Amino acid sequence: MVQGGQPIANSYVQLCSEAIGLARRINADTPCGDHFYNQVVQTDGEGTYRFENVPIGTYGIAALGSERRWYIPSILYIIALEPGQTVIEDLVLEDNVLR
C-alpha cells in the first residue's frame, strides 16, 4: 500500500463481504465493521499486506491512510475469489480514495 509514493507501514487494510461505495453510510468503527464478513490485516514495514483463509466470494476493500483516515474506492472496486486463487492488488491512496 502506497501513499504519496511512500509505503504505508503499520497501517490497516480491510476486506469486506460486499463492495463499498462513496455514498455508503458507515455504521461501525471501520468501513466494513458492519458487514457479514470482514477481515482486517496490518501492513508491514514495506506497506505489504496479506489476507489468508478468505472464503470464496466477492469482496470490497478499504485502507487506512497515513493520516489515519479510511480510504474507500472512488469507483466500484470488487475482488472476486475462486477456489485456490491468489489475487494481488497494489493499493495506491490518493485524494482520500483508493485508486
Protein backbone atom coordinates (compact mmCIF):
# COMPACT_ATOMS: atom_id res chain seq x y z
CA MET A 1 0.00 0.00 0.00
CA VAL A 2 1.45 3.33 -1.08
CA GLN A 3 0.54 6.97 -0.46
CA GLY A 4 2.47 9.90 -1.93
CA GLY A 5 4.94 7.46 -3.44
CA GLN A 6 5.86 6.07 0.01
CA PRO A 7 4.87 2.73 1.56
CA ILE A 8 2.42 2.98 4.45
CA ALA A 9 3.88 0.87 7.24
CA ASN A 10 1.92 -0.46 10.22
CA SER A 11 -1.45 0.62 8.88
CA TYR A 12 -4.57 -1.43 8.13
CA VAL A 13 -6.39 -2.86 5.13
CA GLN A 14 -9.87 -4.29 5.48
CA LEU A 15 -11.64 -6.80 3.26
CA CYS A 16 -15.47 -6.65 3.23
CA SER A 17 -18.15 -9.13 2.18
CA GLU A 18 -19.55 -6.57 -0.27
CA ALA A 19 -18.34 -3.61 -2.28
CA ILE A 20 -18.05 -0.24 -0.56
CA GLY A 21 -19.17 2.92 -2.32
CA LEU A 22 -18.55 6.58 -1.57
CA ALA A 23 -22.20 7.10 -0.72
CA ARG A 24 -22.27 4.17 1.70
CA ARG A 25 -23.00 5.17 5.24
CA ILE A 26 -20.54 3.77 7.76
CA ASN A 27 -22.31 2.49 10.88
CA ALA A 28 -19.25 0.97 12.55
CA ASP A 29 -15.71 1.87 13.64
CA THR A 30 -14.37 0.79 10.24
CA PRO A 31 -15.91 0.89 6.73
CA CYS A 32 -16.56 -2.87 6.85
CA GLY A 33 -17.29 -3.36 10.54
CA ASP A 34 -20.99 -3.99 9.99
CA HIS A 35 -20.55 -6.40 7.04
CA PHE A 36 -21.37 -10.11 7.25
CA TYR A 37 -17.69 -10.97 6.66
CA ASN A 38 -14.72 -8.69 7.21
CA GLN A 39 -11.07 -9.22 7.89
CA VAL A 40 -8.51 -6.61 8.93
CA VAL A 41 -4.77 -7.04 8.41
CA GLN A 42 -1.83 -4.81 9.25
CA THR A 43 0.76 -3.72 6.70
CA ASP A 44 4.41 -4.50 7.33
CA GLY A 45 7.33 -2.05 7.17
CA GLU A 46 7.14 -2.01 3.36
CA GLY A 47 3.37 -1.49 3.18
CA THR A 48 2.77 -5.12 2.20
CA TYR A 49 -0.29 -6.97 3.48
CA ARG A 50 -1.86 -10.39 3.07
CA PHE A 51 -5.33 -11.79 3.73
CA GLU A 52 -5.42 -15.51 4.45
CA ASN A 53 -8.19 -18.12 4.53
CA VAL A 54 -10.65 -15.89 2.70
CA PRO A 55 -13.86 -17.71 1.75
CA ILE A 56 -14.83 -17.87 -1.92
CA GLY A 57 -16.87 -14.80 -2.79
CA THR A 58 -16.87 -11.19 -3.90
CA TYR A 59 -15.30 -8.52 -1.69
CA GLY A 60 -14.78 -4.80 -1.32
CA ILE A 61 -11.69 -3.25 0.22
CA ALA A 62 -10.80 -0.24 2.38
CA ALA A 63 -7.45 1.08 3.62
CA LEU A 64 -6.31 3.29 6.48
CA GLY A 65 -4.03 6.04 5.13
CA SER A 66 -1.00 7.63 6.76
CA GLU A 67 -3.13 10.40 8.28
CA ARG A 68 -5.33 7.71 9.92
CA ARG A 69 -8.36 8.27 7.66
CA TRP A 70 -10.11 5.40 5.91
CA TYR A 71 -9.85 5.34 2.13
CA ILE A 72 -12.63 3.74 0.13
CA PRO A 73 -12.89 3.23 -3.63
CA SER A 74 -13.88 6.16 -5.82
CA ILE A 75 -15.49 3.64 -8.15
CA LEU A 76 -16.99 0.23 -7.56
CA TYR A 77 -13.98 -1.90 -6.59
CA ILE A 78 -14.72 -5.61 -6.48
CA ILE A 79 -12.40 -8.55 -5.90
CA ALA A 80 -13.92 -11.90 -6.89
CA LEU A 81 -12.21 -15.00 -5.50
CA GLU A 82 -12.43 -18.54 -6.80
CA PRO A 83 -11.12 -21.77 -5.21
CA GLY A 84 -7.33 -21.75 -4.81
CA GLN A 85 -6.97 -18.32 -6.38
CA THR A 86 -4.46 -15.71 -5.24
CA VAL A 87 -5.20 -12.08 -6.06
CA ILE A 88 -2.50 -9.41 -5.89
CA GLU A 89 -3.71 -5.82 -5.61
CA ASP A 90 -1.43 -2.80 -5.34
CA LEU A 91 -3.31 -0.12 -3.41
CA VAL A 92 -2.37 3.49 -4.13
CA LEU A 93 -4.08 6.06 -1.90
CA GLU A 94 -4.75 9.49 -3.44
CA ASP A 95 -7.22 12.26 -2.65
CA ASN A 96 -8.93 10.25 0.10
CA VAL A 97 -9.91 7.46 -2.31
CA LEU A 98 -8.37 4.17 -3.41
CA ARG A 99 -7.11 4.12 -7.00
